[in-house]
C-alpha atoms as a PDB file:
ATOM      1  CA  GLN A   1     106.244  72.996  83.099  1.00  0.00           C
ATOM      2  CA  VAL A   2     104.203  76.183  82.877  1.00  0.00           C
ATOM      3  CA  ARG A   3     101.210  76.545  80.578  1.00  0.00           C
ATOM      4  CA  LEU A   4     100.050  80.007  79.518  1.00  0.00           C
ATOM      5  CA  VAL A   5      96.747  80.750  77.820  1.00  0.00           C
ATOM      6  CA  GLU A   6      95.988  84.245  76.536  1.00  0.00           C
ATOM      7  CA  SER A   7      92.591  85.741  75.795  1.00  0.00           C
ATOM      8  CA  GLY A   8      91.009  89.105  75.128  1.00  0.00           C
ATOM      9  CA  GLY A   9      92.387  90.139  71.775  1.00  0.00           C
ATOM     10  CA  GLY A  10      90.235  91.534  69.004  1.00  0.00           C
ATOM     11  CA  LEU A  11      89.490  94.429  66.693  1.00  0.00           C
ATOM     12  CA  VAL A  12      89.113  97.926  68.107  1.00  0.00           C
ATOM     13  CA  GLN A  13      89.088 101.440  66.723  1.00  0.00           C
ATOM     14  CA  ALA A  14      91.898 103.850  67.420  1.00  0.00           C
ATOM     15  CA  GLY A  15      91.444 105.446  70.829  1.00  0.00           C
ATOM     16  CA  GLY A  16      89.645 102.419  72.169  1.00  0.00           C
ATOM     17  CA  SER A  17      90.582  99.935  74.881  1.00  0.00           C
ATOM     18  CA  LEU A  18      91.144  96.222  75.285  1.00  0.00           C
ATOM     19  CA  ARG A  19      92.161  94.035  78.184  1.00  0.00           C
ATOM     20  CA  LEU A  20      94.267  90.955  77.621  1.00  0.00           C
ATOM     21  CA  SER A  21      94.399  88.103  80.107  1.00  0.00           C
ATOM     22  CA  CYS A  22      96.923  85.338  80.544  1.00  0.00           C
ATOM     23  CA  ALA A  23      96.125  82.395  82.779  1.00  0.00           C
ATOM     24  CA  ALA A  24      99.063  80.380  84.060  1.00  0.00           C
ATOM     25  CA  SER A  25      99.182  76.842  85.400  1.00  0.00           C
ATOM     26  CA  GLY A  26     101.806  74.334  86.381  1.00  0.00           C
ATOM     27  CA  ARG A  27     103.865  76.326  88.854  1.00  0.00           C
ATOM     28  CA  THR A  28     103.373  78.595  91.842  1.00  0.00           C
ATOM     29  CA  PHE A  29     102.261  81.768  90.134  1.00  0.00           C
ATOM     30  CA  SER A  30     103.881  84.136  92.610  1.00  0.00           C
ATOM     31  CA  SER A  31     107.287  82.684  91.737  1.00  0.00           C
ATOM     32  CA  LEU A  32     106.889  83.724  88.093  1.00  0.00           C
ATOM     33  CA  ALA A  33     107.928  86.935  86.455  1.00  0.00           C
ATOM     34  CA  MET A  34     105.257  87.641  83.861  1.00  0.00           C
ATOM     35  CA  ALA A  35     105.550  89.750  80.748  1.00  0.00           C
ATOM     36  CA  TRP A  36     103.833  90.737  77.545  1.00  0.00           C
ATOM     37  CA  PHE A  37     105.591  90.928  74.205  1.00  0.00           C
ATOM     38  CA  ARG A  38     104.180  91.718  70.789  1.00  0.00           C
ATOM     39  CA  GLN A  39     105.072  91.008  67.201  1.00  0.00           C
ATOM     40  CA  ALA A  40     103.785  92.904  64.204  1.00  0.00           C
ATOM     41  CA  PRO A  41     104.042  91.502  60.664  1.00  0.00           C
ATOM     42  CA  GLY A  42     107.592  91.736  59.378  1.00  0.00           C
ATOM     43  CA  LYS A  43     108.965  92.889  62.727  1.00  0.00           C
ATOM     44  CA  GLU A  44     110.797  91.241  65.591  1.00  0.00           C
ATOM     45  CA  ARG A  45     109.056  90.361  68.797  1.00  0.00           C
ATOM     46  CA  GLY A  46     109.334  93.292  71.180  1.00  0.00           C
ATOM     47  CA  PHE A  47     108.886  93.931  74.882  1.00  0.00           C
ATOM     48  CA  VAL A  48     105.680  95.587  76.058  1.00  0.00           C
ATOM     49  CA  ALA A  49     105.433  95.236  79.842  1.00  0.00           C
ATOM     50  CA  ALA A  50     106.540  93.064  82.756  1.00  0.00           C
ATOM     51  CA  SER A  51     105.341  92.328  86.259  1.00  0.00           C
ATOM     52  CA  THR A  52     108.219  91.028  88.321  1.00  0.00           C
ATOM     53  CA  TRP A  53     109.258  90.191  91.842  1.00  0.00           C
ATOM     54  CA  ARG A  54     105.863  88.864  92.856  1.00  0.00           C
ATOM     55  CA  GLY A  55     104.172  91.868  91.314  1.00  0.00           C
ATOM     56  CA  GLY A  56     106.144  94.359  93.326  1.00  0.00           C
ATOM     57  CA  ARG A  57     107.629  95.968  90.255  1.00  0.00           C
ATOM     58  CA  THR A  58     106.342  96.797  86.802  1.00  0.00           C
ATOM     59  CA  ASP A  59     108.217  97.935  83.712  1.00  0.00           C
ATOM     60  CA  TYR A  60     106.990  99.247  80.385  1.00  0.00           C
ATOM     61  CA  ALA A  61     108.279  99.917  76.926  1.00  0.00           C
ATOM     62  CA  ASP A  62     108.469 103.646  76.254  1.00  0.00           C
ATOM     63  CA  SER A  63     105.942 103.299  73.437  1.00  0.00           C
ATOM     64  CA  VAL A  64     103.182 102.152  75.817  1.00  0.00           C
ATOM     65  CA  LYS A  65     103.945 104.089  79.008  1.00  0.00           C
ATOM     66  CA  GLY A  66     100.918 105.966  80.229  1.00  0.00           C
ATOM     67  CA  ARG A  67      98.562 103.938  78.014  1.00  0.00           C
ATOM     68  CA  PHE A  68      99.060 100.308  79.052  1.00  0.00           C
ATOM     69  CA  THR A  69      98.927  98.827  82.542  1.00  0.00           C
ATOM     70  CA  ILE A  70     100.127  95.385  83.551  1.00  0.00           C
ATOM     71  CA  SER A  71      98.665  93.818  86.665  1.00  0.00           C
ATOM     72  CA  ARG A  72      98.437  90.395  88.203  1.00  0.00           C
ATOM     73  CA  ASP A  73      96.091  88.494  90.467  1.00  0.00           C
ATOM     74  CA  ASN A  74      98.152  85.863  92.258  1.00  0.00           C
ATOM     75  CA  ALA A  75      94.999  84.251  93.650  1.00  0.00           C
ATOM     76  CA  LYS A  76      93.679  83.690  90.107  1.00  0.00           C
ATOM     77  CA  ASN A  77      97.073  82.867  88.567  1.00  0.00           C
ATOM     78  CA  THR A  78      96.403  85.495  85.952  1.00  0.00           C
ATOM     79  CA  VAL A  79      98.224  88.491  84.535  1.00  0.00           C
ATOM     80  CA  TYR A  80      96.417  91.256  82.677  1.00  0.00           C
ATOM     81  CA  LEU A  81      97.343  93.929  80.187  1.00  0.00           C
ATOM     82  CA  GLN A  82      94.941  96.853  80.131  1.00  0.00           C
ATOM     83  CA  MET A  83      95.445  98.765  76.903  1.00  0.00           C
ATOM     84  CA  ASN A  84      93.955 102.237  76.568  1.00  0.00           C
ATOM     85  CA  SER A  85      94.219 104.923  73.896  1.00  0.00           C
ATOM     86  CA  LEU A  86      95.112 102.287  71.352  1.00  0.00           C
ATOM     87  CA  LYS A  87      96.846 103.310  68.156  1.00  0.00           C
ATOM     88  CA  PRO A  88      97.077 101.542  64.792  1.00  0.00           C
ATOM     89  CA  GLU A  89     100.770 100.933  65.482  1.00  0.00           C
ATOM     90  CA  ASP A  90      99.754  98.774  68.458  1.00  0.00           C
ATOM     91  CA  THR A  91      98.425  96.200  66.002  1.00  0.00           C
ATOM     92  CA  ALA A  92     100.291  92.935  66.603  1.00  0.00           C
ATOM     93  CA  VAL A  93     100.079  89.458  68.006  1.00  0.00           C
ATOM     94  CA  TYR A  94     100.494  89.782  71.757  1.00  0.00           C
ATOM     95  CA  TYR A  95     102.277  87.025  73.653  1.00  0.00           C
ATOM     96  CA  CYS A  96     102.319  86.279  77.346  1.00  0.00           C
ATOM     97  CA  ALA A  97     105.625  85.013  78.708  1.00  0.00           C
ATOM     98  CA  ALA A  98     106.903  83.698  82.032  1.00  0.00           C
ATOM     99  CA  LEU A  99     110.152  82.889  83.750  1.00  0.00           C
ATOM    100  CA  VAL A 100     110.845  81.428  87.155  1.00  0.00           C
ATOM    101  CA  GLU A 101     112.187  84.197  89.327  1.00  0.00           C
ATOM    102  CA  THR A 102     114.459  83.374  92.247  1.00  0.00           C
ATOM    103  CA  TYR A 103     115.741  86.883  92.894  1.00  0.00           C
ATOM    104  CA  ALA A 104     115.085  90.349  91.533  1.00  0.00           C
ATOM    105  CA  ARG A 105     117.188  91.466  88.592  1.00  0.00           C
ATOM    106  CA  ASN A 106     117.556  94.851  86.942  1.00  0.00           C
ATOM    107  CA  SER A 107     114.754  95.975  84.649  1.00  0.00           C
ATOM    108  CA  ASN A 108     116.681  95.413  81.431  1.00  0.00           C
ATOM    109  CA  TYR A 109     116.862  91.705  82.130  1.00  0.00           C
ATOM    110  CA  TYR A 110     113.108  91.326  81.767  1.00  0.00           C
ATOM    111  CA  THR A 111     112.888  93.131  78.433  1.00  0.00           C
ATOM    112  CA  ASP A 112     114.862  90.400  76.665  1.00  0.00           C
ATOM    113  CA  SER A 113     112.569  87.745  75.203  1.00  0.00           C
ATOM    114  CA  ARG A 114     115.396  85.191  75.345  1.00  0.00           C
ATOM    115  CA  ARG A 115     115.158  85.172  79.151  1.00  0.00           C
ATOM    116  CA  TYR A 116     111.686  83.682  79.107  1.00  0.00           C
ATOM    117  CA  ASP A 117     111.176  79.933  79.202  1.00  0.00           C
ATOM    118  CA  TYR A 118     107.431  79.774  78.729  1.00  0.00           C
ATOM    119  CA  TRP A 119     105.167  81.346  76.124  1.00  0.00           C
ATOM    120  CA  GLY A 120     101.500  81.464  75.317  1.00  0.00           C
ATOM    121  CA  GLN A 121     100.053  80.910  71.874  1.00  0.00           C
ATOM    122  CA  GLY A 122      99.461  84.603  71.218  1.00  0.00           C
ATOM    123  CA  THR A 123      96.355  86.698  70.709  1.00  0.00           C
ATOM    124  CA  GLN A 124      95.745  89.096  67.830  1.00  0.00           C
ATOM    125  CA  VAL A 125      95.101  92.769  68.528  1.00  0.00           C
ATOM    126  CA  THR A 126      94.055  94.895  65.567  1.00  0.00           C
ATOM    127  CA  VAL A 127      93.562  98.650  65.875  1.00  0.00           C
ATOM    128  CA  SER A 128      91.815 100.332  62.973  1.00  0.00           C
ATOM    129  CA  SER A 129      92.322 103.984  62.112  1.00  0.00           C
END
């Protein structure tokens, strides 16, 4: 069983930055593909970014490319999401997710929330205009 605990959400003005953290426990962290999803009120949960294959590959949703950066520290069992140039449309609850990765798959696989077995409780990010 994998436990994920997010932190770092909050209220920020448009153009500002936040860094989210997700600490994992319960399984060898390097064996986990880690991702961030987000869900705004009235919308479906959507893919934001993923760090896969032991951190050797990263993928991003088009809407956050160039503004968000996912990274991981395998020694600290933690994945981060650095969010810069935030926009009001980035307002959402952000969820950390994990799946046990035995071999690398194509990028599309990791954008599907149904692939992930483990989820954090979510952290609210609010961007004011």
